[in-house]
Amino acid sequence: MSITTVPFDTAKYLTDPQDQAELLAEAFATGDGDVIRKAVSIVARARGISRVAVDAGVTREGVYKALGPDGDPKLSTVLNILGALGVKLSATLVPPAEQVGA
């Protein structure tokens, strides 16, 4: 007897805004663009891509393209999507020992 599996979709279970914010904070802490893009994509899908697109002033297809595996969105698009998710970016000074190239 073979085992049948189905893909796990994190977005279906990430319904609490606080949990979504924690996922995004952890992704931002990595500094890895792919990790950040994937986390934003998960939260956008959890909230509903169509709703996020309308709130961000971007087409639904534009959100999918920006957050897709090959996505490399403009900063303005990212900021609009994050704003639609109710997320605000902030800057934190990195100690010299942790800076890139240090």
Protein backbone atom coordinates (compact mmCIF):
# COMPACT_ATOMS: atom_id res chain seq x y z
CA MET A 1 0.00 0.00 0.00
CA SER A 2 1.46 3.34 -1.02
CA ILE A 3 1.25 6.50 1.04
CA THR A 4 -0.36 9.52 -0.58
CA THR A 5 0.92 12.91 0.48
CA VAL A 6 -0.28 16.41 -0.24
CA PRO A 7 1.75 19.64 -0.21
CA PHE A 8 1.69 21.53 3.08
CA ASP A 9 0.56 25.13 2.67
CA THR A 10 1.73 27.25 5.59
CA ALA A 11 -0.60 30.08 4.56
CA LYS A 12 -3.68 27.98 5.42
CA TYR A 13 -2.60 27.77 9.05
CA LEU A 14 -0.96 31.15 9.59
CA THR A 15 -4.15 33.05 10.38
CA ASP A 16 -3.13 35.07 13.45
CA PRO A 17 -1.74 38.54 12.60
CA GLN A 18 0.75 38.31 15.48
CA ASP A 19 2.09 34.99 14.15
CA GLN A 20 2.32 36.54 10.69
CA ALA A 21 4.29 39.49 12.10
CA GLU A 22 6.66 37.11 13.89
CA LEU A 23 7.27 35.17 10.67
CA LEU A 24 8.07 38.40 8.84
CA ALA A 25 10.34 39.65 11.64
CA GLU A 26 12.30 36.40 11.61
CA ALA A 27 12.58 36.55 7.83
CA PHE A 28 13.80 40.16 7.90
CA ALA A 29 16.35 39.23 10.58
CA THR A 30 17.98 36.78 8.16
CA GLY A 31 18.74 39.53 5.66
CA ASP A 32 18.16 36.96 2.91
CA GLY A 33 16.01 38.35 0.10
CA ASP A 34 14.66 34.93 -0.88
CA VAL A 35 13.62 34.15 2.70
CA ILE A 36 11.95 37.55 3.02
CA ARG A 37 10.14 37.21 -0.32
CA LYS A 38 8.87 33.76 0.64
CA ALA A 39 7.65 34.96 4.07
CA VAL A 40 5.85 37.96 2.55
CA SER A 41 4.30 35.61 -0.01
CA ILE A 42 3.04 33.28 2.72
CA VAL A 43 1.50 36.13 4.70
CA ALA A 44 -0.06 37.65 1.56
CA ARG A 45 -1.63 34.29 0.67
CA ALA A 46 -2.84 33.90 4.26
CA ARG A 47 -4.56 37.30 4.04
CA GLY A 48 -5.84 36.71 0.51
CA ILE A 49 -3.86 37.77 -2.54
CA SER A 50 -6.81 39.59 -4.12
CA ARG A 51 -7.41 41.69 -1.00
CA VAL A 52 -3.70 42.45 -0.59
CA ALA A 53 -3.47 43.44 -4.25
CA VAL A 54 -6.38 45.88 -3.98
CA ASP A 55 -5.04 47.37 -0.75
CA ALA A 56 -1.53 47.67 -2.24
CA GLY A 57 -2.74 49.20 -5.50
CA VAL A 58 -1.15 46.37 -7.46
CA THR A 59 -2.80 43.82 -9.73
CA ARG A 60 -3.27 40.31 -8.37
CA GLU A 61 -0.96 39.06 -11.09
CA GLY A 62 1.56 41.71 -10.08
CA VAL A 63 1.58 40.44 -6.51
CA TYR A 64 2.06 36.86 -7.68
CA LYS A 65 4.87 37.92 -10.03
CA ALA A 66 6.62 40.06 -7.41
CA LEU A 67 6.45 37.38 -4.71
CA GLY A 68 6.96 34.37 -6.96
CA PRO A 69 10.12 32.24 -7.03
CA ASP A 70 11.68 34.41 -9.75
CA GLY A 71 10.31 37.66 -8.35
CA ASP A 72 12.59 40.66 -7.93
CA PRO A 73 10.10 43.43 -7.18
CA LYS A 74 10.80 47.15 -7.04
CA LEU A 75 11.09 48.60 -3.56
CA SER A 76 7.89 50.62 -4.10
CA THR A 77 5.99 47.39 -4.83
CA VAL A 78 7.39 45.73 -1.70
CA LEU A 79 6.49 48.75 0.43
CA ASN A 80 2.95 48.83 -0.99
CA ILE A 81 2.47 45.11 -0.30
CA LEU A 82 3.87 45.42 3.22
CA GLY A 83 1.61 48.41 3.84
CA ALA A 84 -1.37 46.35 2.71
CA LEU A 85 -0.30 43.69 5.22
CA GLY A 86 -0.12 46.30 7.97
CA VAL A 87 3.65 45.96 8.28
CA LYS A 88 6.05 48.87 8.67
CA LEU A 89 9.78 48.59 8.05
CA SER A 90 12.26 50.15 10.42
CA ALA A 91 16.03 50.45 10.49
CA THR A 92 18.34 49.17 13.20
CA LEU A 93 22.01 50.01 13.42
CA VAL A 94 24.16 46.92 12.96
CA PRO A 95 27.28 46.71 15.15
CA PRO A 96 30.49 47.05 13.08
CA ALA A 97 31.52 43.43 13.75
CA GLU A 98 28.29 42.19 12.13
CA GLN A 99 28.36 44.49 9.11
CA VAL A 100 28.80 43.02 5.65
CA GLY A 101 32.44 43.17 4.64
CA ALA A 102 33.65 43.64 8.21
